[in-house]
Amino acid sequence: MKPGIHPNYRYVVFQDTSSGDTFLTRSTIETHETVTWEDGNEYPLAKVEISAFTHPFFTGQMKIVDTAGRVERFERRYGKRRKSSKATAADTGE
């Protein structure tokens, strides 16, 4: 491998900002914050909005994360979502 061209691959603590859960893994992400982990060592801290702790695919719950008013802006522009006639017919058994 060529020296000096590869990013620094090290242990990093990721924190889910919506639930507060944290996990330690290896990454090349650049961070400016640090945190003391359960083993007493200090590691870089990377904050993320969604992780496996809060992602709907892993939790089985639908949750809309709206950080900049995108949902409200969409609903103002296009109106609220309505069920299609095909979905309504399938629900009623027609």
C-alpha atoms as a PDB file:
ATOM      1  CA  MET A   1       0.000   0.000   0.000  1.00  0.00           C
ATOM      2  CA  LYS A   2       1.155   3.514  -0.703  1.00  0.00           C
ATOM      3  CA  PRO A   3       1.856   5.520   2.442  1.00  0.00           C
ATOM      4  CA  GLY A   4      -0.035   8.763   3.068  1.00  0.00           C
ATOM      5  CA  ILE A   5      -3.034   8.206   0.763  1.00  0.00           C
ATOM      6  CA  HIS A   6      -5.318   6.132   2.992  1.00  0.00           C
ATOM      7  CA  PRO A   7      -7.717   7.652   5.559  1.00  0.00           C
ATOM      8  CA  ASN A   8      -7.253   7.009   9.264  1.00  0.00           C
ATOM      9  CA  TYR A   9      -9.243   3.839  10.098  1.00  0.00           C
ATOM     10  CA  ARG A  10      -9.922   3.866  13.816  1.00  0.00           C
ATOM     11  CA  TYR A  11     -12.527   3.175  16.507  1.00  0.00           C
ATOM     12  CA  VAL A  12     -15.354   5.739  16.573  1.00  0.00           C
ATOM     13  CA  VAL A  13     -18.429   6.047  18.824  1.00  0.00           C
ATOM     14  CA  PHE A  14     -21.643   6.749  16.901  1.00  0.00           C
ATOM     15  CA  GLN A  15     -24.512   8.383  18.796  1.00  0.00           C
ATOM     16  CA  ASP A  16     -28.121   8.323  17.566  1.00  0.00           C
ATOM     17  CA  THR A  17     -29.383  11.838  18.305  1.00  0.00           C
ATOM     18  CA  SER A  18     -33.064  10.847  18.324  1.00  0.00           C
ATOM     19  CA  SER A  19     -32.744   8.046  20.904  1.00  0.00           C
ATOM     20  CA  GLY A  20     -29.395   8.725  22.573  1.00  0.00           C
ATOM     21  CA  ASP A  21     -28.156   5.174  21.933  1.00  0.00           C
ATOM     22  CA  THR A  22     -24.454   4.764  21.214  1.00  0.00           C
ATOM     23  CA  PHE A  23     -22.300   2.072  19.665  1.00  0.00           C
ATOM     24  CA  LEU A  24     -18.588   1.613  19.062  1.00  0.00           C
ATOM     25  CA  THR A  25     -17.298   0.562  15.653  1.00  0.00           C
ATOM     26  CA  ARG A  26     -14.421   1.291  13.291  1.00  0.00           C
ATOM     27  CA  SER A  27     -14.704   4.049  10.706  1.00  0.00           C
ATOM     28  CA  THR A  28     -12.768   6.633   8.684  1.00  0.00           C
ATOM     29  CA  ILE A  29     -15.238   9.460   9.442  1.00  0.00           C
ATOM     30  CA  GLU A  30     -13.687  12.788  10.467  1.00  0.00           C
ATOM     31  CA  THR A  31     -15.001  14.147  13.794  1.00  0.00           C
ATOM     32  CA  HIS A  32     -14.167  17.027  16.114  1.00  0.00           C
ATOM     33  CA  GLU A  33     -15.843  15.750  19.298  1.00  0.00           C
ATOM     34  CA  THR A  34     -14.666  12.995  21.630  1.00  0.00           C
ATOM     35  CA  VAL A  35     -16.377  10.909  24.295  1.00  0.00           C
ATOM     36  CA  THR A  36     -15.235   8.498  27.006  1.00  0.00           C
ATOM     37  CA  TRP A  37     -16.536   5.009  26.252  1.00  0.00           C
ATOM     38  CA  GLU A  38     -17.522   2.295  28.760  1.00  0.00           C
ATOM     39  CA  ASP A  39     -14.010   0.819  28.717  1.00  0.00           C
ATOM     40  CA  GLY A  40     -12.542   4.110  29.982  1.00  0.00           C
ATOM     41  CA  ASN A  41     -10.849   5.051  26.697  1.00  0.00           C
ATOM     42  CA  GLU A  42     -11.584   8.255  24.821  1.00  0.00           C
ATOM     43  CA  TYR A  43     -12.853   7.886  21.232  1.00  0.00           C
ATOM     44  CA  PRO A  44     -14.012  10.294  18.507  1.00  0.00           C
ATOM     45  CA  LEU A  45     -17.798  10.913  18.553  1.00  0.00           C
ATOM     46  CA  ALA A  46     -19.964  11.002  15.412  1.00  0.00           C
ATOM     47  CA  LYS A  47     -23.620  12.036  15.792  1.00  0.00           C
ATOM     48  CA  VAL A  48     -26.206  10.588  13.385  1.00  0.00           C
ATOM     49  CA  GLU A  49     -29.947  11.284  13.073  1.00  0.00           C
ATOM     50  CA  ILE A  50     -31.017   7.720  12.262  1.00  0.00           C
ATOM     51  CA  SER A  51     -29.322   4.436  13.121  1.00  0.00           C
ATOM     52  CA  ALA A  52     -30.425   0.818  13.508  1.00  0.00           C
ATOM     53  CA  PHE A  53     -31.898   1.808  16.896  1.00  0.00           C
ATOM     54  CA  THR A  54     -34.473   4.164  15.328  1.00  0.00           C
ATOM     55  CA  HIS A  55     -34.737   3.191  11.644  1.00  0.00           C
ATOM     56  CA  PRO A  56     -38.281   1.977  10.778  1.00  0.00           C
ATOM     57  CA  PHE A  57     -36.946  -1.097   8.961  1.00  0.00           C
ATOM     58  CA  PHE A  58     -35.253  -2.390  12.119  1.00  0.00           C
ATOM     59  CA  THR A  59     -37.829  -1.193  14.678  1.00  0.00           C
ATOM     60  CA  GLY A  60     -40.983  -2.131  12.740  1.00  0.00           C
ATOM     61  CA  GLN A  61     -42.519   1.272  13.465  1.00  0.00           C
ATOM     62  CA  MET A  62     -43.145   4.052  10.978  1.00  0.00           C
ATOM     63  CA  LYS A  63     -41.710   7.341  12.189  1.00  0.00           C
ATOM     64  CA  ILE A  64     -41.345  10.494  10.128  1.00  0.00           C
ATOM     65  CA  VAL A  65     -38.160  12.381  10.909  1.00  0.00           C
ATOM     66  CA  ASP A  66     -38.635  15.923   9.681  1.00  0.00           C
ATOM     67  CA  THR A  67     -35.583  18.045  10.320  1.00  0.00           C
ATOM     68  CA  ALA A  68     -36.390  20.988   8.076  1.00  0.00           C
ATOM     69  CA  GLY A  69     -40.205  21.091   7.702  1.00  0.00           C
ATOM     70  CA  ARG A  70     -40.110  19.033   4.508  1.00  0.00           C
ATOM     71  CA  VAL A  71     -43.328  17.132   5.230  1.00  0.00           C
ATOM     72  CA  GLU A  72     -45.318  20.300   5.969  1.00  0.00           C
ATOM     73  CA  ARG A  73     -43.912  22.011   2.873  1.00  0.00           C
ATOM     74  CA  PHE A  74     -44.858  18.988   0.743  1.00  0.00           C
ATOM     75  CA  GLU A  75     -48.394  18.912   2.185  1.00  0.00           C
ATOM     76  CA  ARG A  76     -48.869  22.641   1.589  1.00  0.00           C
ATOM     77  CA  ARG A  77     -47.677  22.303  -1.989  1.00  0.00           C
ATOM     78  CA  TYR A  78     -49.459  19.086  -2.995  1.00  0.00           C
ATOM     79  CA  GLY A  79     -52.098  18.528  -0.311  1.00  0.00           C
ATOM     80  CA  LYS A  80     -52.358  15.679   2.140  1.00  0.00           C
ATOM     81  CA  ARG A  81     -52.089  12.137   0.831  1.00  0.00           C
ATOM     82  CA  ARG A  82     -55.306  10.305   0.025  1.00  0.00           C
ATOM     83  CA  LYS A  83     -55.799   6.607  -0.579  1.00  0.00           C
ATOM     84  CA  SER A  84     -56.070   5.673  -4.239  1.00  0.00           C
ATOM     85  CA  SER A  85     -59.292   4.171  -5.550  1.00  0.00           C
ATOM     86  CA  LYS A  86     -57.525   0.817  -6.103  1.00  0.00           C
ATOM     87  CA  ALA A  87     -56.366   0.703  -2.476  1.00  0.00           C
ATOM     88  CA  THR A  88     -59.841   1.693  -1.235  1.00  0.00           C
ATOM     89  CA  ALA A  89     -61.492  -1.016  -3.376  1.00  0.00           C
ATOM     90  CA  ALA A  90     -59.047  -3.634  -2.101  1.00  0.00           C
ATOM     91  CA  ASP A  91     -59.719  -2.586   1.517  1.00  0.00           C
ATOM     92  CA  THR A  92     -63.503  -2.909   1.141  1.00  0.00           C
ATOM     93  CA  GLY A  93     -63.303  -6.244  -0.699  1.00  0.00           C
ATOM     94  CA  GLU A  94     -64.780  -5.075  -4.010  1.00  0.00           C
END
